[in-house]
């Protein structure tokens, strides 16, 4: 029996080693490159027809309809150029195979652990991460999961040798799962399967607030014993970190905003926000953006409209909020569908260029990386891709080229390899 365990372990290691390595990261840009003739979707609502985009040393040096091409020329006539899409709030690179504990670093033991940093556990060779790129998802916020305060996230680009190379913004924010006001009944204990009030809600809220208040006092004091959790929280009070608050129902959202503001936290982002449309005035008053949940899901409550989740992003945009899309509640591999979630919102009446902002320019603003990413502009990072058609439509989202910081990255993945293999088989029959 013992020998069988060793054999099984050896087989798994061998399989994992043979399947875990991704494409070799692209080298630094070494020549001036121009993309000509494309329709450029800037990511701020602007579209430039017959655009020429010139970039060198990883930065966009010229952009416009009348710009003269320089260096190597990529003819993109009839095609479309988009900024690299951004995926917030995902544990990409922290978990590879859900059923294999050794490949799962998305959560740690403990409830209040802001000092746990996701970046140092990020696997740049993840095949799941690699599969994002052919759909134009080139940047992500690598986020820990679980517990009350899950830890600290960082933002990475998806073509790197290791986590140091991948880092775009280190330790950008802390993630808080606000206590649920309701919970589902535990049928195995004879309770009704429906929602029931969480009797421990107030106690759980006090636990969070007490921790944050103590962390603030710790930062104002001198000579106190080192407390890693309190140390990691100081960015929330000096403005160097954002607090990402995961809350869904109206009471959760109101309680979270009003209570957390009293602790001295200034930069907050609401994540999920299922009932955010009911408290838009409060969100605007405190300048709180929303990372709204992905659209491809069912309504939560029986009395919701059947298409409520499809409409919610547009409702928040129409209310004047800064909104971006995320899919924190979906599996990691579904993150590659991010552009199609935005396309779903277009189907609800939102302007296509505004929908594009939900996964590009708005995402960059919310994450605090809009000085370099999220839109196409002179001086910003040359992180973009060329698509045969509309990138928000799976029929048009066919990438021919993609660049991260000016480096031309591979669009090959284990999925494209399998596609070519089996298409060859079927075409031969």
Protein backbone atom coordinates (compact mmCIF):
# COMPACT_ATOMS: atom_id res chain seq x y z
CA UNK A 1 0.00 0.00 0.00
CA UNK A 2 2.86 2.34 0.86
CA UNK A 3 4.52 1.65 -2.49
CA UNK A 4 1.27 2.43 -4.29
CA UNK A 5 1.18 5.85 -2.60
CA UNK A 6 4.73 6.60 -3.77
CA UNK A 7 3.88 5.48 -7.29
CA UNK A 8 0.76 7.69 -7.37
CA UNK A 9 2.75 10.67 -6.07
CA UNK A 10 5.46 10.12 -8.68
CA UNK A 11 2.89 9.90 -11.46
CA UNK A 12 1.23 13.13 -10.34
CA UNK A 13 4.56 14.98 -10.12
CA UNK A 14 5.53 13.73 -13.54
CA UNK A 15 2.19 14.76 -15.02
CA UNK A 16 2.29 18.17 -13.35
CA UNK A 17 5.85 18.84 -14.51
CA UNK A 18 4.97 17.91 -18.07
CA UNK A 19 1.90 20.12 -18.15
CA UNK A 20 2.67 23.07 -15.89
CA UNK A 21 5.18 25.09 -17.94
CA UNK A 22 3.73 27.86 -20.08
CA UNK A 23 5.16 29.61 -23.12
CA UNK A 24 8.55 31.23 -22.61
CA UNK A 25 8.00 34.89 -21.65
CA UNK A 26 8.66 37.35 -24.44
CA UNK A 27 11.91 39.35 -24.49
CA UNK A 28 11.96 43.11 -24.01
CA UNK A 29 10.97 45.23 -26.98
CA UNK A 30 14.06 45.83 -29.13
CA UNK A 31 12.69 47.81 -32.09
CA UNK A 32 10.13 50.49 -32.86
CA UNK A 33 6.83 48.94 -33.97
CA UNK A 34 3.83 50.56 -35.65
CA UNK A 35 0.31 49.18 -35.97
CA UNK A 36 -1.47 50.79 -38.93
CA UNK A 37 -4.98 50.96 -40.34
CA UNK A 38 -6.81 49.64 -37.29
CA UNK A 39 -9.90 50.85 -35.49
CA UNK A 40 -8.52 51.80 -32.08
CA UNK A 41 -10.81 51.45 -29.07
CA UNK A 42 -9.06 53.68 -26.55
CA UNK A 43 -10.77 52.40 -23.39
CA UNK A 44 -12.14 55.78 -22.29
CA UNK A 45 -15.12 55.79 -24.67
CA UNK A 46 -13.16 57.12 -27.66
CA UNK A 47 -12.75 55.35 -31.01
CA UNK A 48 -10.17 56.33 -33.64
CA UNK A 49 -10.70 55.01 -37.17
CA UNK A 50 -7.74 54.22 -39.44
CA UNK A 51 -5.45 54.69 -36.48
CA UNK A 52 -1.69 54.29 -36.35
CA UNK A 53 -0.17 53.29 -33.01
CA UNK A 54 3.59 53.59 -32.57
CA UNK A 55 5.41 52.17 -29.57
CA UNK A 56 9.01 51.78 -28.45
CA UNK A 57 10.79 50.77 -25.27
CA UNK A 58 7.50 49.38 -23.98
CA UNK A 59 5.63 52.71 -24.20
CA UNK A 60 3.20 54.19 -26.71
CA UNK A 61 5.03 57.05 -28.43
CA UNK A 62 2.40 58.14 -30.94
CA UNK A 63 -1.29 57.47 -31.53
CA UNK A 64 -3.77 58.91 -34.01
CA UNK A 65 -5.26 58.90 -37.49
CA UNK A 66 -2.58 61.09 -39.04
CA UNK A 67 0.49 59.56 -37.41
CA UNK A 68 3.36 58.41 -39.64
CA UNK A 69 4.45 54.80 -39.03
CA UNK A 70 7.97 54.03 -37.89
CA UNK A 71 10.11 50.92 -37.66
CA UNK A 72 8.48 47.51 -38.14
CA UNK A 73 4.94 47.86 -39.46
CA UNK A 74 2.00 45.58 -38.62
CA UNK A 75 -0.80 46.12 -41.12
CA UNK A 76 -4.05 45.89 -39.12
CA UNK A 77 -6.40 47.25 -41.76
CA UNK A 78 -9.94 46.07 -41.02
CA UNK A 79 -8.93 44.91 -37.55
CA UNK A 80 -9.39 46.37 -34.06
CA UNK A 81 -6.94 47.44 -31.36
CA UNK A 82 -7.89 47.30 -27.67
CA UNK A 83 -6.08 47.99 -24.38
CA UNK A 84 -5.29 44.81 -22.45
CA UNK A 85 -8.30 43.72 -20.41
CA UNK A 86 -7.96 43.70 -16.62
CA UNK A 87 -9.36 41.03 -14.27
CA UNK A 88 -9.82 42.26 -10.66
CA UNK A 89 -10.36 40.13 -7.57
CA UNK A 90 -9.19 36.72 -8.80
CA UNK A 91 -6.94 34.05 -7.31
CA UNK A 92 -5.33 33.36 -10.68
CA UNK A 93 -1.91 31.80 -10.23
CA UNK A 94 -2.72 30.83 -6.64
CA UNK A 95 -4.59 27.64 -7.48
CA UNK A 96 -4.05 25.28 -10.38
CA UNK A 97 -6.13 22.18 -9.69
CA UNK A 98 -8.94 22.58 -7.16
CA UNK A 99 -8.82 18.92 -6.10
CA UNK A 100 -5.06 18.98 -5.46
CA UNK A 101 -4.31 20.72 -2.16
CA UNK A 102 -0.62 21.09 -3.00
CA UNK A 103 -1.53 23.39 -5.90
CA UNK A 104 -3.89 25.57 -3.81
CA UNK A 105 -2.45 28.70 -2.19
CA UNK A 106 -5.52 30.92 -2.40
CA UNK A 107 -6.27 30.95 1.33
CA UNK A 108 -4.44 30.53 4.62
CA UNK A 109 -5.34 29.55 8.16
CA UNK A 110 -6.83 32.39 10.16
CA UNK A 111 -9.66 34.89 9.97
CA UNK A 112 -7.99 38.32 10.24
CA UNK A 113 -4.81 37.98 8.17
CA UNK A 114 -4.12 41.17 6.16
CA UNK A 115 -0.39 40.41 6.36
CA UNK A 116 -0.74 37.36 4.10
CA UNK A 117 0.56 38.53 0.71
CA UNK A 118 -0.77 36.81 -2.40
CA UNK A 119 2.07 37.96 -4.62
CA UNK A 120 4.76 35.73 -3.14
CA UNK A 121 2.62 32.64 -3.81
CA UNK A 122 1.81 33.63 -7.41
CA UNK A 123 2.72 30.96 -9.96
CA UNK A 124 3.76 32.74 -13.15
CA UNK A 125 3.80 29.39 -14.99
CA UNK A 126 0.16 28.61 -14.30
CA UNK A 127 -1.64 27.13 -17.28
CA UNK A 128 -4.86 28.75 -16.08
CA UNK A 129 -3.17 32.18 -16.22
CA UNK A 130 -1.78 31.39 -19.66
CA UNK A 131 -5.27 30.66 -20.98
CA UNK A 132 -6.39 34.24 -20.28
CA UNK A 133 -4.21 35.80 -22.96
CA UNK A 134 -5.87 34.56 -26.18
CA UNK A 135 -9.04 36.43 -25.16
CA UNK A 136 -7.19 39.67 -24.39
CA UNK A 137 -7.11 39.41 -20.58
CA UNK A 138 -3.52 40.52 -19.95
CA UNK A 139 -3.53 41.93 -16.39
CA UNK A 140 -5.06 40.70 -13.14
CA UNK A 141 -5.39 41.52 -9.48
CA UNK A 142 -4.15 38.42 -7.67
CA UNK A 143 -6.36 38.15 -4.63
CA UNK A 144 -6.35 35.83 -1.59
CA UNK A 145 -9.59 34.14 -0.60
CA UNK A 146 -11.28 32.94 2.60
CA UNK A 147 -11.51 34.22 6.15
CA UNK A 148 -12.88 37.58 7.25
CA UNK A 149 -9.86 39.62 6.14
CA UNK A 150 -8.33 37.44 3.45
CA UNK A 151 -5.00 39.16 2.97
CA UNK A 152 -3.27 41.58 0.62
CA UNK A 153 -3.54 41.49 -3.17
CA UNK A 154 -1.12 42.60 -5.87
CA UNK A 155 -1.56 43.38 -9.56
CA UNK A 156 0.40 41.42 -12.16
CA UNK A 157 0.77 41.10 -15.90
CA UNK A 158 0.30 37.67 -17.44
CA UNK A 159 3.65 37.02 -19.15
CA UNK A 160 6.49 36.59 -16.70
CA UNK A 161 9.21 34.26 -15.46
CA UNK A 162 8.29 34.66 -11.80
CA UNK A 163 6.27 36.80 -9.42
CA UNK A 164 8.94 39.49 -9.28
CA UNK A 165 8.81 39.94 -13.06
CA UNK A 166 5.02 39.79 -13.07
CA UNK A 167 4.39 42.53 -10.50
CA UNK A 168 2.73 45.70 -11.78
CA UNK A 169 1.61 47.07 -8.41
CA UNK A 170 2.73 45.40 -5.20
CA UNK A 171 0.39 45.11 -2.19
CA UNK A 172 -2.30 47.32 -3.68
CA UNK A 173 -5.10 46.50 -1.25
CA UNK A 174 -6.61 44.43 1.55
CA UNK A 175 -9.73 42.29 1.07
CA UNK A 176 -12.52 42.18 3.64
CA UNK A 177 -15.50 39.81 3.51
CA UNK A 178 -18.16 41.78 5.37
CA UNK A 179 -20.32 39.53 7.60
CA UNK A 180 -23.52 38.22 6.01
CA UNK A 181 -26.76 39.57 7.38
CA UNK A 182 -28.53 36.39 6.30
CA UNK A 183 -27.45 32.80 5.81
CA UNK A 184 -29.01 29.81 4.14
CA UNK A 185 -30.68 27.24 6.36
CA UNK A 186 -28.65 24.14 7.20
CA UNK A 187 -30.94 21.42 5.87
CA UNK A 188 -28.79 18.67 7.42
CA UNK A 189 -29.74 20.06 10.83
CA UNK A 190 -33.42 20.19 9.96
CA UNK A 191 -33.45 23.94 9.23
CA UNK A 192 -35.43 25.47 6.39
CA UNK A 193 -33.31 25.72 3.21
CA UNK A 194 -34.25 29.37 2.70
CA UNK A 195 -32.45 32.46 4.00
CA UNK A 196 -32.45 33.10 7.73
CA UNK A 197 -31.12 36.05 9.78
CA UNK A 198 -27.52 35.65 10.88
CA UNK A 199 -27.79 35.75 14.68
CA UNK A 200 -24.05 36.38 14.99
CA UNK A 201 -24.00 39.32 12.57
CA UNK A 202 -23.44 42.11 15.08
CA UNK A 203 -20.77 40.17 16.93
CA UNK A 204 -18.92 39.51 13.67
CA UNK A 205 -19.14 43.18 12.70
CA UNK A 206 -17.71 44.23 16.06
CA UNK A 207 -14.82 41.82 15.58
CA UNK A 208 -13.89 43.49 12.29
CA UNK A 209 -14.25 47.05 13.60
CA UNK A 210 -12.32 46.27 16.77
CA UNK A 211 -9.45 44.88 14.72
CA UNK A 212 -9.30 47.94 12.46
CA UNK A 213 -9.54 50.41 15.35
CA UNK A 214 -6.74 48.62 17.18
CA UNK A 215 -4.67 48.62 13.99
CA UNK A 216 -5.08 52.38 13.71
CA UNK A 217 -4.10 52.93 17.34
CA UNK A 218 -1.09 50.66 16.79
CA UNK A 219 0.04 52.87 13.90
CA UNK A 220 -0.18 56.00 16.02
CA UNK A 221 1.77 54.51 18.90
CA UNK A 222 5.46 53.96 19.51
CA UNK A 223 7.37 51.12 21.08
CA UNK A 224 4.57 48.55 20.81
CA UNK A 225 5.55 44.93 20.08
CA UNK A 226 5.57 44.20 16.36
CA UNK A 227 2.21 42.97 15.13
CA UNK A 228 2.38 41.83 11.46
CA UNK A 229 -1.39 42.05 10.96
CA UNK A 230 -1.54 45.61 12.28
CA UNK A 231 1.59 46.57 10.34
CA UNK A 232 0.03 45.36 7.07
CA UNK A 233 -3.12 47.40 7.78
CA UNK A 234 -1.39 50.77 8.03
CA UNK A 235 -1.79 51.43 4.31
CA UNK A 236 -5.55 51.65 4.84
CA UNK A 237 -5.10 54.68 7.06
CA UNK A 238 -2.34 56.50 5.16
CA UNK A 239 -4.01 56.02 1.78
CA UNK A 240 -1.42 53.75 0.20
CA UNK A 241 -3.81 50.77 0.12
CA UNK A 242 -7.44 50.31 -0.82
CA UNK A 243 -9.91 48.28 1.19
CA UNK A 244 -11.91 45.95 -1.04
CA UNK A 245 -15.17 45.25 0.79
CA UNK A 246 -17.15 42.22 -0.34
CA UNK A 247 -20.81 42.92 0.41
CA UNK A 248 -24.01 42.07 -1.42
CA UNK A 249 -27.28 43.05 0.25
CA UNK A 250 -28.41 46.56 1.09
CA UNK A 251 -27.88 46.33 4.85
CA UNK A 252 -24.40 44.87 4.40
CA UNK A 253 -23.40 47.68 2.08
CA UNK A 254 -24.80 50.48 4.25
CA UNK A 255 -23.35 49.04 7.47
CA UNK A 256 -19.97 48.47 5.88
CA UNK A 257 -19.61 51.96 4.43
CA UNK A 258 -20.84 53.87 7.47
CA UNK A 259 -18.89 51.75 9.97
CA UNK A 260 -15.63 51.63 8.04
CA UNK A 261 -15.62 55.36 7.36
CA UNK A 262 -15.69 55.90 11.12
CA UNK A 263 -12.48 53.91 11.49
CA UNK A 264 -10.63 56.40 9.29
CA UNK A 265 -10.41 54.35 6.10
CA UNK A 266 -10.66 56.61 3.07
CA UNK A 267 -10.15 54.47 -0.05
CA UNK A 268 -12.80 51.78 -0.33
CA UNK A 269 -14.07 49.66 -3.21
CA UNK A 270 -17.33 47.72 -3.07
CA UNK A 271 -16.98 44.23 -4.52
CA UNK A 272 -20.07 42.29 -5.59
CA UNK A 273 -22.69 44.90 -4.75
CA UNK A 274 -25.76 42.86 -5.68
CA UNK A 275 -28.01 45.53 -4.12
CA UNK A 276 -25.73 48.47 -4.93
CA UNK A 277 -28.44 49.97 -7.15
CA UNK A 278 -30.50 50.62 -4.00
CA UNK A 279 -27.81 52.75 -2.32
CA UNK A 280 -26.27 54.68 -5.22
CA UNK A 281 -26.58 58.02 -3.41
CA UNK A 282 -24.55 56.70 -0.48
CA UNK A 283 -21.89 55.26 -2.81
CA UNK A 284 -21.60 58.53 -4.72
CA UNK A 285 -21.46 60.57 -1.51
CA UNK A 286 -18.40 58.65 -0.37
CA UNK A 287 -16.92 58.26 -3.86
CA UNK A 288 -16.94 54.46 -3.69
CA UNK A 289 -16.57 52.56 -6.99
CA UNK A 290 -18.11 49.14 -7.57
CA UNK A 291 -16.54 45.95 -8.90
CA UNK A 292 -19.86 44.40 -9.82
CA UNK A 293 -20.25 40.64 -10.13
CA UNK A 294 -20.09 38.98 -13.54
CA UNK A 295 -23.29 38.91 -15.58
CA UNK A 296 -23.47 35.22 -16.46
CA UNK A 297 -25.24 34.09 -13.31
CA UNK A 298 -28.75 33.57 -11.99
CA UNK A 299 -30.67 36.06 -9.82
CA UNK A 300 -30.18 35.53 -6.10
CA UNK A 301 -33.77 36.01 -4.96
CA UNK A 302 -37.08 34.65 -6.23
CA UNK A 303 -38.62 38.11 -6.69
CA UNK A 304 -35.72 39.45 -8.80
CA UNK A 305 -36.18 39.96 -12.53
CA UNK A 306 -34.92 36.97 -14.48
CA UNK A 307 -32.38 39.21 -16.22
CA UNK A 308 -31.40 41.24 -13.15
CA UNK A 309 -27.73 40.23 -13.16
CA UNK A 310 -27.48 41.16 -16.84
CA UNK A 311 -28.91 44.63 -16.19
CA UNK A 312 -27.16 45.52 -12.93
CA UNK A 313 -23.90 46.95 -14.39
CA UNK A 314 -25.87 49.29 -16.68
CA UNK A 315 -28.09 50.37 -13.78
CA UNK A 316 -25.01 51.37 -11.78
CA UNK A 317 -23.38 53.14 -14.72
CA UNK A 318 -26.60 55.06 -15.42
CA UNK A 319 -26.63 56.10 -11.74
CA UNK A 320 -23.27 57.80 -12.23
CA UNK A 321 -21.02 55.34 -10.40
CA UNK A 322 -17.52 54.26 -11.41
CA UNK A 323 -18.10 50.60 -12.31
CA UNK A 324 -15.97 47.69 -13.48
CA UNK A 325 -16.64 43.98 -13.91
CA UNK A 326 -15.18 41.14 -11.91
CA UNK A 327 -16.07 37.49 -11.43
CA UNK A 328 -14.91 36.75 -7.90
CA UNK A 329 -17.62 34.14 -7.39
CA UNK A 330 -16.84 32.16 -10.56
CA UNK A 331 -14.06 29.66 -11.16
CA UNK A 332 -10.69 31.03 -12.20
CA UNK A 333 -10.82 29.57 -15.70
CA UNK A 334 -14.02 31.53 -16.39
CA UNK A 335 -12.05 34.78 -16.09
CA UNK A 336 -11.10 34.43 -19.74
CA UNK A 337 -14.79 35.16 -20.51
CA UNK A 338 -14.46 38.68 -19.07
CA UNK A 339 -14.89 40.42 -22.45
CA UNK A 340 -18.09 38.48 -23.07
CA UNK A 341 -19.54 39.59 -19.73
CA UNK A 342 -19.04 43.14 -20.97
CA UNK A 343 -20.65 42.15 -24.26
CA UNK A 344 -23.66 40.90 -22.30
CA UNK A 345 -24.08 44.39 -20.81
CA UNK A 346 -24.06 45.80 -24.35
CA UNK A 347 -27.03 43.53 -24.99
CA UNK A 348 -28.85 45.34 -22.17
CA UNK A 349 -28.50 48.70 -23.92
CA UNK A 350 -25.15 50.02 -22.66
CA UNK A 351 -23.00 51.71 -25.30
CA UNK A 352 -20.32 49.32 -26.50
CA UNK A 353 -17.44 51.69 -25.75
CA UNK A 354 -18.79 52.31 -22.25
CA UNK A 355 -19.04 48.55 -21.75
CA UNK A 356 -15.41 48.26 -22.83
CA UNK A 357 -14.46 50.68 -20.05
CA UNK A 358 -15.88 48.18 -17.52
CA UNK A 359 -12.94 45.85 -18.24
CA UNK A 360 -10.24 48.36 -19.18
CA UNK A 361 -10.17 52.06 -18.26
CA UNK A 362 -12.54 51.84 -15.29
CA UNK A 363 -10.81 48.75 -13.92
CA UNK A 364 -7.46 50.54 -14.07
CA UNK A 365 -8.87 53.57 -12.23
CA UNK A 366 -10.38 51.45 -9.49
CA UNK A 367 -7.16 49.46 -9.02
CA UNK A 368 -4.99 52.58 -9.12
CA UNK A 369 -2.94 51.66 -12.21
CA UNK A 370 -4.57 54.05 -14.71
CA UNK A 371 -1.37 56.07 -15.01
CA UNK A 372 0.08 53.25 -17.11
CA UNK A 373 -2.64 50.76 -18.05
CA UNK A 374 -6.29 50.50 -19.02
CA UNK A 375 -6.36 52.95 -21.93
CA UNK A 376 -4.34 53.62 -25.06
CA UNK A 377 -2.50 56.94 -24.78
CA UNK A 378 0.88 58.43 -25.52
CA UNK A 379 3.31 57.71 -22.70
CA UNK A 380 1.34 54.77 -21.31
CA UNK A 381 2.40 51.13 -21.38
CA UNK A 382 2.13 49.41 -24.74
CA UNK A 383 -0.16 46.73 -23.32
CA UNK A 384 -2.77 46.02 -25.96
CA UNK A 385 -3.91 43.48 -28.53
CA UNK A 386 -5.12 43.31 -32.12
CA UNK A 387 -8.37 41.45 -32.80
CA UNK A 388 -9.92 40.36 -36.07
CA UNK A 389 -13.29 41.73 -34.93
CA UNK A 390 -15.32 42.92 -31.95
CA UNK A 391 -13.44 41.69 -28.87
CA UNK A 392 -16.61 41.78 -26.75
CA UNK A 393 -18.21 39.19 -29.04
CA UNK A 394 -16.81 35.66 -28.97
CA UNK A 395 -17.19 35.47 -32.75
CA UNK A 396 -15.01 38.53 -33.27
CA UNK A 397 -12.59 37.98 -30.38
CA UNK A 398 -9.87 36.41 -32.51
CA UNK A 399 -6.48 37.80 -31.53
CA UNK A 400 -3.65 38.07 -34.06
CA UNK A 401 -1.12 39.93 -31.87
CA UNK A 402 -0.82 40.87 -28.20
CA UNK A 403 1.73 43.01 -26.39
CA UNK A 404 2.52 43.52 -22.71
CA UNK A 405 4.79 46.49 -21.99
CA UNK A 406 5.78 46.39 -25.65
CA UNK A 407 6.77 42.73 -25.59
CA UNK A 408 5.04 40.61 -28.23
CA UNK A 409 3.65 37.69 -26.26
CA UNK A 410 2.70 34.20 -27.37
CA UNK A 411 -0.98 33.42 -27.84
CA UNK A 412 -0.37 29.68 -27.75
CA UNK A 413 -1.69 27.74 -24.74
CA UNK A 414 -2.41 24.13 -23.92
CA UNK A 415 -5.94 24.80 -25.14
CA UNK A 416 -4.88 26.09 -28.56
CA UNK A 417 -2.50 23.15 -28.85
CA UNK A 418 -5.34 20.71 -28.16
CA UNK A 419 -7.60 22.58 -30.58
CA UNK A 420 -5.04 22.27 -33.39
CA UNK A 421 -4.42 18.63 -32.55
CA UNK A 422 -8.05 17.57 -32.72
CA UNK A 423 -8.97 19.84 -35.62
CA UNK A 424 -6.17 18.09 -37.50
CA UNK A 425 -7.73 14.75 -36.61
CA UNK A 426 -11.24 15.75 -37.67
CA UNK A 427 -10.08 17.41 -40.87
CA UNK A 428 -8.17 14.27 -41.77
CA UNK A 429 -11.24 12.04 -41.41
